[in-house]
């Protein structure tokens, strides 16, 4: 918030002629008031304008928020992410990861996940979205937890769960399966993305069974080997089943809404099934917001 600059005249006497009583027709009282006018104007500016604005600034500094004079205008909404346009270039003032507080009917909080000269990308978590309506009382903060900002991770993380079970019967070796079309959609921003699950692979007759797991931007191939994990059992020929807990995570940054698919594959021909035992232990895909 910029402070209001004084605009009152300070040359009240200098602008008079040498004979103000005659030329301007000023009485003695009027001339006296003119001599006092600068002081009166300064006092009014200090007490009615400047100190009020400074009090507001100090209050904001104490609670972690800084007022933003510039106008934000609603542009679009995609699930949890809102796009707003700006009246001026804010890239020298705001950056990704900062918090935004504003009013649109109620007080709403956002995290900046993208910025350009003309737009801001705002992530509102589970609680906050914008509509095509006026946006007022805008403030920003670079603090981790400015006053009022909800810091409960559950309000900002993206979590997808399955508790019933996901299985692929008679899988073809080397073929990746997105069982049950199970996936997680990442909003624009940076995330600690990962999975936590129980993988299972079974064969009716053989010397090994396995289930390889990965998260991928493709629904039928590996996009990032860092997400790969493998549950495997090797033994004497016969019926074999491997049931094993698997988890992987990695920091991911996306600029647009991006799906990540949970995939399963086996490298063993003739397996009877691969999948995830969600009924035994919940299959969880989770993207933790890294800006908290």
Protein backbone atom coordinates (compact mmCIF):
# COMPACT_ATOMS: atom_id res chain seq x y z
CA UNK A 1 0.00 0.00 0.00
CA UNK A 2 1.49 3.33 -1.05
CA UNK A 3 1.04 6.36 1.19
CA UNK A 4 -1.00 9.35 0.00
CA UNK A 5 1.25 12.26 -0.96
CA UNK A 6 0.39 15.80 0.21
CA UNK A 7 -1.00 17.99 -2.56
CA UNK A 8 -1.93 21.19 -0.71
CA UNK A 9 -0.30 24.48 -1.65
CA UNK A 10 2.60 25.78 0.43
CA UNK A 11 3.06 29.15 -1.31
CA UNK A 12 -0.09 30.85 -0.01
CA UNK A 13 1.76 34.05 0.99
CA UNK A 14 4.29 34.08 -1.82
CA UNK A 15 1.50 34.00 -4.38
CA UNK A 16 -0.03 37.23 -3.06
CA UNK A 17 0.67 40.65 -4.45
CA UNK A 18 2.60 43.26 -2.46
CA UNK A 19 -0.67 44.91 -1.47
CA UNK A 20 -3.02 42.02 -0.60
CA UNK A 21 -5.49 44.25 1.27
CA UNK A 22 -5.97 46.44 -1.80
CA UNK A 23 -5.27 44.12 -4.76
CA UNK A 24 -6.87 40.88 -3.46
CA UNK A 25 -9.28 42.66 -1.19
CA UNK A 26 -8.27 40.61 1.86
CA UNK A 27 -9.29 41.69 5.31
CA UNK A 28 -6.87 41.53 8.23
CA UNK A 29 -8.57 38.33 9.45
CA UNK A 30 -8.42 36.73 6.03
CA UNK A 31 -4.76 37.59 5.72
CA UNK A 32 -4.09 36.12 9.17
CA UNK A 33 -5.90 32.90 8.17
CA UNK A 34 -3.83 32.70 5.02
CA UNK A 35 -0.63 32.90 7.05
CA UNK A 36 -1.91 29.99 9.17
CA UNK A 37 -3.23 27.90 6.26
CA UNK A 38 -0.06 25.86 5.61
CA UNK A 39 0.11 24.80 9.23
CA UNK A 40 -3.58 23.89 9.24
CA UNK A 41 -3.20 21.88 6.02
CA UNK A 42 -0.13 20.07 7.36
CA UNK A 43 -1.91 19.21 10.61
CA UNK A 44 -4.95 17.91 8.72
CA UNK A 45 -2.76 15.78 6.43
CA UNK A 46 -0.79 14.32 9.34
CA UNK A 47 -3.75 13.56 11.61
CA UNK A 48 -6.44 12.61 9.10
CA UNK A 49 -4.49 10.98 6.26
CA UNK A 50 -0.90 9.99 6.97
CA UNK A 51 -1.23 8.60 10.48
CA UNK A 52 -4.37 6.64 9.53
CA UNK A 53 -2.53 5.03 6.62
CA UNK A 54 0.54 4.34 8.76
CA UNK A 55 -1.61 2.74 11.45
CA UNK A 56 -3.06 0.43 8.81
CA UNK A 57 0.41 -0.42 7.52
CA UNK A 58 1.73 -1.15 11.00
CA UNK A 59 -1.27 -3.35 11.79
CA UNK A 60 -0.67 -5.30 8.57
CA UNK A 61 3.03 -5.67 9.38
CA UNK A 62 2.17 -7.02 12.81
CA UNK A 63 -0.17 -9.68 11.41
CA UNK A 64 2.03 -10.55 8.44
CA UNK A 65 -0.05 -9.04 5.64
CA UNK A 66 0.81 -6.13 3.32
CA UNK A 67 -2.01 -4.32 1.55
CA UNK A 68 -1.99 -4.45 -2.25
CA UNK A 69 -3.51 -1.42 -3.97
CA UNK A 70 -3.52 -2.91 -7.43
CA UNK A 71 -6.70 -4.31 -8.90
CA UNK A 72 -7.16 -8.04 -9.45
CA UNK A 73 -9.86 -9.18 -11.87
CA UNK A 74 -11.28 -12.70 -12.13
CA UNK A 75 -10.34 -14.47 -15.36
CA UNK A 76 -11.00 -18.22 -15.00
CA UNK A 77 -11.35 -21.18 -12.64
CA UNK A 78 -10.17 -24.77 -13.15
CA UNK A 79 -11.15 -26.95 -10.17
CA UNK A 80 -8.96 -25.55 -7.36
CA UNK A 81 -6.89 -23.06 -9.38
CA UNK A 82 -8.04 -19.52 -10.18
CA UNK A 83 -6.52 -17.14 -12.73
CA UNK A 84 -6.73 -13.39 -12.16
CA UNK A 85 -5.45 -10.50 -14.25
CA UNK A 86 -3.58 -7.55 -12.77
CA UNK A 87 -3.77 -3.84 -13.47
CA UNK A 88 0.03 -3.47 -13.41
CA UNK A 89 3.12 -5.68 -13.53
CA UNK A 90 3.50 -7.20 -10.05
CA UNK A 91 6.52 -9.42 -10.76
CA UNK A 92 8.83 -7.10 -8.80
CA UNK A 93 6.58 -7.38 -5.72
CA UNK A 94 5.10 -10.89 -5.74
CA UNK A 95 6.57 -14.33 -6.38
CA UNK A 96 5.55 -17.99 -6.43
CA UNK A 97 4.84 -19.38 -2.98
CA UNK A 98 3.59 -16.13 -1.46
CA UNK A 99 0.16 -16.03 0.17
CA UNK A 100 -2.77 -13.87 -0.93
CA UNK A 101 -5.73 -12.74 1.20
CA UNK A 102 -8.73 -11.10 -0.42
CA UNK A 103 -12.43 -10.56 -0.07
CA UNK A 104 -15.03 -11.91 -2.46
CA UNK A 105 -18.21 -11.99 -0.37
CA UNK A 106 -16.07 -13.65 2.34
CA UNK A 107 -12.37 -13.65 3.20
CA UNK A 108 -10.45 -16.11 1.05
CA UNK A 109 -6.84 -17.31 1.07
CA UNK A 110 -4.64 -18.47 -1.79
CA UNK A 111 -1.08 -19.46 -2.66
CA UNK A 112 0.58 -17.94 -5.72
CA UNK A 113 1.63 -20.81 -8.01
CA UNK A 114 2.30 -18.78 -11.14
CA UNK A 115 2.92 -15.15 -12.08
CA UNK A 116 3.47 -13.12 -15.24
CA UNK A 117 3.34 -9.42 -16.03
CA UNK A 118 -0.43 -9.56 -16.47
CA UNK A 119 -1.72 -12.60 -14.55
CA UNK A 120 -1.56 -14.42 -11.22
CA UNK A 121 -2.25 -18.13 -10.80
CA UNK A 122 -3.81 -18.74 -7.39
CA UNK A 123 -4.26 -22.13 -5.71
CA UNK A 124 -7.09 -22.18 -3.18
CA UNK A 125 -6.76 -25.71 -1.81
CA UNK A 126 -9.94 -27.47 -0.69
CA UNK A 127 -11.67 -24.37 0.67
CA UNK A 128 -11.28 -21.40 -1.64
CA UNK A 129 -12.19 -20.62 -5.24
CA UNK A 130 -12.95 -17.41 -7.09
CA UNK A 131 -16.02 -16.49 -9.12
CA UNK A 132 -16.70 -13.78 -11.67
CA UNK A 133 -17.27 -11.03 -9.12
CA UNK A 134 -15.46 -8.06 -7.61
CA UNK A 135 -12.27 -8.74 -5.66
CA UNK A 136 -11.46 -6.34 -2.81
CA UNK A 137 -9.28 -5.93 0.31
CA UNK A 138 -6.27 -7.58 -1.30
CA UNK A 139 -3.15 -8.33 0.77
CA UNK A 140 -0.06 -10.46 0.29
CA UNK A 141 2.47 -12.11 2.57
CA UNK A 142 5.84 -13.83 2.28
CA UNK A 143 5.51 -15.31 5.78
CA UNK A 144 4.91 -19.01 6.39
CA UNK A 145 1.78 -18.44 8.46
CA UNK A 146 0.46 -14.87 8.38
CA UNK A 147 -2.50 -14.20 10.65
CA UNK A 148 -5.62 -16.11 9.64
CA UNK A 149 -3.99 -18.19 6.91
CA UNK A 150 -5.03 -21.86 7.30
CA UNK A 151 -1.88 -23.98 7.62
CA UNK A 152 -3.53 -27.38 8.07
CA UNK A 153 -1.93 -29.46 5.28
CA UNK A 154 -5.23 -31.27 4.66
CA UNK A 155 -6.61 -28.02 3.25
CA UNK A 156 -3.84 -27.76 0.65
CA UNK A 157 -2.71 -31.32 -0.14
CA UNK A 158 -4.34 -33.38 -2.88
CA UNK A 159 -5.20 -36.92 -1.76
CA UNK A 160 -6.85 -39.77 -3.66
CA UNK A 161 -7.69 -43.08 -1.95
CA UNK A 162 -8.99 -46.54 -2.80
CA UNK A 163 -10.20 -48.98 -0.15
CA UNK A 164 -11.91 -51.65 -2.22
CA UNK A 165 -9.01 -53.14 -4.16
CA UNK A 166 -7.57 -52.82 -7.66
CA UNK A 167 -6.68 -55.97 -9.61
CA UNK A 168 -5.84 -57.00 -13.16
CA UNK A 169 -6.46 -60.65 -14.00
CA UNK A 170 -4.21 -62.54 -16.42
CA UNK A 171 -1.92 -59.59 -17.19
CA UNK A 172 0.25 -59.65 -20.28
CA UNK A 173 3.94 -59.46 -19.38
CA UNK A 174 5.37 -56.04 -20.15
CA UNK A 175 2.00 -54.31 -20.46
CA UNK A 176 1.31 -51.44 -18.09
CA UNK A 177 -2.18 -51.33 -16.59
CA UNK A 178 -3.95 -48.30 -15.13
CA UNK A 179 -6.27 -50.46 -13.07
CA UNK A 180 -9.62 -48.83 -12.40
CA UNK A 181 -8.37 -45.65 -14.13
CA UNK A 182 -6.94 -44.69 -10.72
CA UNK A 183 -5.08 -41.36 -10.88
CA UNK A 184 -4.35 -38.07 -9.16
CA UNK A 185 -4.71 -34.66 -10.83
CA UNK A 186 -2.01 -32.15 -9.92
CA UNK A 187 -2.90 -28.48 -9.91
CA UNK A 188 -0.30 -26.03 -11.29
CA UNK A 189 2.52 -25.65 -8.77
CA UNK A 190 5.16 -27.66 -6.93
CA UNK A 191 4.29 -30.87 -5.10
CA UNK A 192 5.84 -33.69 -3.13
CA UNK A 193 4.06 -36.43 -5.09
CA UNK A 194 3.98 -40.05 -4.08
CA UNK A 195 2.10 -43.26 -3.36
CA UNK A 196 1.66 -45.58 -0.41
CA UNK A 197 0.10 -49.00 -1.10
CA UNK A 198 0.28 -52.78 -0.88
CA UNK A 199 1.28 -54.33 -4.21
CA UNK A 200 0.36 -57.91 -5.04
CA UNK A 201 1.36 -60.31 -7.79
CA UNK A 202 0.32 -63.95 -8.13
CA UNK A 203 1.02 -66.92 -10.39
CA UNK A 204 -0.75 -70.30 -10.30
CA UNK A 205 2.37 -72.21 -11.29
CA UNK A 206 5.84 -70.75 -11.71
CA UNK A 207 9.12 -69.87 -10.03
CA UNK A 208 8.46 -66.17 -9.51
CA UNK A 209 5.70 -63.58 -9.28
CA UNK A 210 5.99 -59.84 -9.24
CA UNK A 211 4.20 -56.50 -9.40
CA UNK A 212 6.03 -53.39 -10.51
CA UNK A 213 4.43 -50.06 -9.57
CA UNK A 214 4.89 -46.56 -10.95
CA UNK A 215 3.25 -43.16 -11.22
CA UNK A 216 3.21 -41.76 -14.73
CA UNK A 217 1.84 -38.94 -16.84
CA UNK A 218 1.00 -41.70 -19.35
CA UNK A 219 -1.67 -44.28 -18.62
CA UNK A 220 0.27 -47.10 -20.31
CA UNK A 221 4.01 -46.43 -19.99
CA UNK A 222 6.69 -45.11 -17.61
CA UNK A 223 7.30 -41.36 -17.69
CA UNK A 224 9.62 -41.13 -14.67
CA UNK A 225 11.64 -44.13 -13.47
CA UNK A 226 12.13 -42.48 -10.07
CA UNK A 227 8.58 -43.58 -9.26
CA UNK A 228 9.26 -47.26 -10.05
CA UNK A 229 9.14 -49.87 -7.30
CA UNK A 230 9.06 -53.66 -7.43
CA UNK A 231 7.49 -56.35 -5.29
CA UNK A 232 8.82 -59.82 -6.21
CA UNK A 233 9.01 -63.36 -4.91
CA UNK A 234 11.25 -66.15 -6.26
CA UNK A 235 10.83 -69.76 -5.13
CA UNK A 236 10.36 -73.36 -6.11
CA UNK A 237 7.93 -74.00 -8.94
CA UNK A 238 4.36 -73.80 -7.78
CA UNK A 239 1.69 -71.30 -6.76
CA UNK A 240 3.36 -68.08 -5.61
CA UNK A 241 2.00 -64.77 -4.32
CA UNK A 242 3.90 -61.65 -3.35
CA UNK A 243 2.17 -59.08 -1.13
CA UNK A 244 4.41 -56.17 -0.19
CA UNK A 245 4.07 -52.56 0.91
CA UNK A 246 5.49 -50.05 -1.58
CA UNK A 247 5.95 -46.28 -1.41
CA UNK A 248 7.79 -43.67 -3.44
CA UNK A 249 7.76 -39.87 -3.56
CA UNK A 250 9.41 -37.10 -5.51
CA UNK A 251 9.15 -33.31 -5.89
CA UNK A 252 7.25 -32.42 -9.05
CA UNK A 253 6.50 -29.03 -10.63
CA UNK A 254 3.78 -28.64 -13.24
CA UNK A 255 2.64 -25.50 -15.04
CA UNK A 256 -0.79 -26.82 -16.04
CA UNK A 257 -3.22 -29.27 -14.50
CA UNK A 258 -1.56 -32.67 -14.97
CA UNK A 259 -2.85 -36.21 -14.29
CA UNK A 260 -0.54 -38.86 -12.83
CA UNK A 261 -1.73 -42.45 -13.33
CA UNK A 262 -1.02 -45.34 -10.98
CA UNK A 263 0.32 -48.19 -13.12
CA UNK A 264 1.08 -51.86 -12.50
CA UNK A 265 3.08 -54.25 -14.68
CA UNK A 266 4.69 -57.65 -14.46
CA UNK A 267 7.68 -58.97 -16.34
CA UNK A 268 6.61 -62.57 -15.75
CA UNK A 269 4.54 -64.38 -18.38
CA UNK A 270 1.58 -66.38 -17.20
CA UNK A 271 0.79 -64.54 -13.98
CA UNK A 272 -2.79 -64.84 -12.77
CA UNK A 273 -3.01 -61.30 -11.38
CA UNK A 274 -1.32 -58.06 -10.40
CA UNK A 275 -2.74 -55.16 -8.44
CA UNK A 276 -3.16 -53.40 -5.12
CA UNK A 277 -4.69 -54.82 -1.93
CA UNK A 278 -6.58 -51.70 -0.93
CA UNK A 279 -8.96 -53.62 1.31
CA UNK A 280 -6.00 -54.68 3.46
CA UNK A 281 -4.23 -51.30 3.39
CA UNK A 282 -5.65 -48.18 1.73
CA UNK A 283 -4.08 -47.32 -1.60
CA UNK A 284 -3.10 -43.65 -1.35
CA UNK A 285 -1.89 -41.16 -3.94
CA UNK A 286 -0.84 -37.91 -2.30
CA UNK A 287 0.54 -34.59 -3.49
CA UNK A 288 1.83 -32.48 -0.60
CA UNK A 289 1.86 -28.72 -1.20
CA UNK A 290 5.51 -27.65 -0.88
CA UNK A 291 4.68 -23.98 -0.24
CA UNK A 292 3.40 -24.49 3.31
